[in-house]
Every structure is written in C-alpha cells, then in structure tokens.
Amino acid sequence: MQSNVYTQQLVDYLAKEQHIICMQQKYYLKNAICPSLSENNIYVNTLVGLELSNELTRKNIQMKEICFYKIKMMKNELNNLEKKLEEFKGALKIYSEKFNDTKKEM
C-alpha cells in the first residue's frame, strides 16, 4: 500500500515538472527565443506522450488499489463462509447423533 502512495506522489511530481517544462516551452515559442523549436512538434508530442503515460500509470495504481481491496473483501467473505460451514457441520453432526440415538432406542 505504501508503494502505491509513493508511486502516486512520483507520478504527480513528474506531471508537475512536465507542466513547468511545457509552460517554459510556450514562453520560448511566444518570444521567439528558440526559433528552431517552433519548426517541429517533436518536443510537444513527447510531452503529450509523457502525459498519457502518467495518466495510464495513475489508472494502473487505482486499479491495483481496487483489486487489493476486492481481494481483501473476498478473503473476509470466505472466512465468514468457512465459519458458517463449520457451524453447519456441527449442527449436522448433532442432528445425526440424535437421529442415530432415536433409531437405536426403537
């Protein structure tokens, strides 16, 4: 669980860093400080790809957490079912013993 929180913080940090880089890129393009960058979209496409990757990582973390809690809930339900089954076995054994005792008396 702690690793999921750490990964989430790392993804958020990377997203913030990429946003800052993107804002810097817009500033450079607006002021024509770096004209060669305005001629191609490789850098912008890379940022979009990284943003999509971060979104997928975030969704993956969320799915892992959901699956973790589902498994935990299912284990809890199985434990409850096991207890009920043991109670049923006990009741069946008592019923069987009473039935056999009644049969012997006849």
Protein backbone atom coordinates (compact mmCIF):
# COMPACT_ATOMS: atom_id res chain seq x y z
CA MET A 1 0.00 0.00 0.00
CA GLN A 2 2.88 2.35 0.87
CA SER A 3 4.46 1.72 -2.55
CA ASN A 4 1.20 2.80 -4.25
CA VAL A 5 1.26 6.09 -2.32
CA TYR A 6 4.92 6.63 -3.21
CA THR A 7 4.27 5.85 -6.88
CA GLN A 8 1.30 8.26 -6.89
CA GLN A 9 3.47 11.03 -5.43
CA LEU A 10 6.16 10.33 -8.03
CA VAL A 11 3.62 10.49 -10.87
CA ASP A 12 2.24 13.78 -9.52
CA TYR A 13 5.76 15.21 -9.25
CA LEU A 14 6.56 14.19 -12.84
CA ALA A 15 3.31 15.69 -14.10
CA LYS A 16 4.07 19.00 -12.35
CA GLU A 17 7.59 19.00 -13.75
CA GLN A 18 6.31 18.37 -17.27
CA HIS A 19 3.76 21.17 -16.89
CA ILE A 20 6.55 23.58 -15.91
CA ILE A 21 8.62 22.47 -18.91
CA CYS A 22 5.62 22.92 -21.18
CA MET A 23 4.98 26.44 -19.86
CA GLN A 24 8.66 27.25 -20.39
CA GLN A 25 8.39 25.91 -23.95
CA LYS A 26 5.35 28.13 -24.64
CA TYR A 27 7.27 31.13 -23.31
CA TYR A 28 10.21 30.36 -25.62
CA LEU A 29 7.93 29.96 -28.63
CA LYS A 30 5.99 33.13 -27.83
CA ASN A 31 9.12 35.26 -27.51
CA ALA A 32 10.97 33.56 -30.39
CA ILE A 33 13.90 32.83 -28.09
CA CYS A 34 14.37 29.41 -29.58
CA PRO A 35 13.00 29.50 -33.15
CA SER A 36 14.16 26.01 -34.09
CA LEU A 37 11.68 24.51 -31.65
CA SER A 38 8.78 26.25 -33.37
CA GLU A 39 9.61 24.43 -36.60
CA ASN A 40 8.93 20.93 -35.25
CA ASN A 41 6.46 19.34 -32.88
CA ILE A 42 8.67 16.54 -31.54
CA TYR A 43 9.06 18.13 -28.13
CA VAL A 44 5.35 18.87 -27.77
CA ASN A 45 4.45 15.34 -28.90
CA THR A 46 6.89 13.93 -26.35
CA LEU A 47 5.18 15.92 -23.59
CA VAL A 48 1.77 14.65 -24.71
CA GLY A 49 3.12 11.09 -24.72
CA LEU A 50 4.53 11.52 -21.22
CA GLU A 51 1.24 12.97 -20.01
CA LEU A 52 -0.65 9.97 -21.40
CA SER A 53 1.89 7.65 -19.81
CA ASN A 54 1.39 9.36 -16.45
CA GLU A 55 -2.37 9.04 -16.79
CA LEU A 56 -2.04 5.33 -17.55
CA THR A 57 0.27 4.91 -14.55
CA ARG A 58 -2.25 6.69 -12.32
CA LYS A 59 -5.10 4.50 -13.61
CA ASN A 60 -2.94 1.41 -13.07
CA ILE A 61 -2.31 2.43 -9.46
CA GLN A 62 -6.03 2.99 -8.91
CA MET A 63 -6.85 -0.41 -10.40
CA LYS A 64 -4.24 -2.09 -8.18
CA GLU A 65 -5.78 -0.49 -5.10
CA ILE A 66 -9.30 -1.51 -6.18
CA CYS A 67 -8.14 -5.08 -6.78
CA PHE A 68 -6.32 -5.11 -3.41
CA TYR A 69 -9.49 -4.13 -1.57
CA LYS A 70 -11.62 -6.56 -3.60
CA ILE A 71 -9.27 -9.41 -2.68
CA LYS A 72 -9.31 -8.33 0.95
CA MET A 73 -13.13 -8.25 0.92
CA MET A 74 -13.32 -11.67 -0.77
CA LYS A 75 -10.94 -13.17 1.83
CA ASN A 76 -13.16 -11.77 4.57
CA GLU A 77 -16.25 -13.28 2.93
CA LEU A 78 -14.50 -16.64 2.56
CA ASN A 79 -13.57 -16.61 6.23
CA ASN A 80 -17.20 -15.90 7.14
CA LEU A 81 -18.34 -18.70 4.85
CA GLU A 82 -15.85 -21.08 6.43
CA LYS A 83 -17.21 -20.25 9.90
CA LYS A 84 -20.78 -20.84 8.72
CA LEU A 85 -19.77 -24.14 7.13
CA GLU A 86 -18.16 -25.29 10.38
CA GLU A 87 -21.31 -24.32 12.29
CA PHE A 88 -23.42 -26.24 9.76
CA LYS A 89 -21.16 -29.30 10.10
CA GLY A 90 -21.51 -29.11 13.88
CA ALA A 91 -25.30 -28.86 13.65
CA LEU A 92 -25.41 -31.74 11.16
CA LYS A 93 -23.28 -33.89 13.44
CA ILE A 94 -25.57 -33.17 16.41
CA TYR A 95 -28.63 -33.96 14.27
CA SER A 96 -27.01 -37.19 13.05
CA GLU A 97 -26.15 -38.26 16.60
CA LYS A 98 -29.70 -37.54 17.81
CA PHE A 99 -31.18 -39.39 14.81
CA ASN A 100 -28.94 -42.42 15.45
CA ASP A 101 -29.80 -42.38 19.18
CA THR A 102 -33.51 -42.27 18.33
CA LYS A 103 -33.06 -45.12 15.86
CA LYS A 104 -31.24 -47.26 18.46
CA GLU A 105 -34.00 -46.74 21.00
CA MET A 106 -36.59 -48.15 18.63
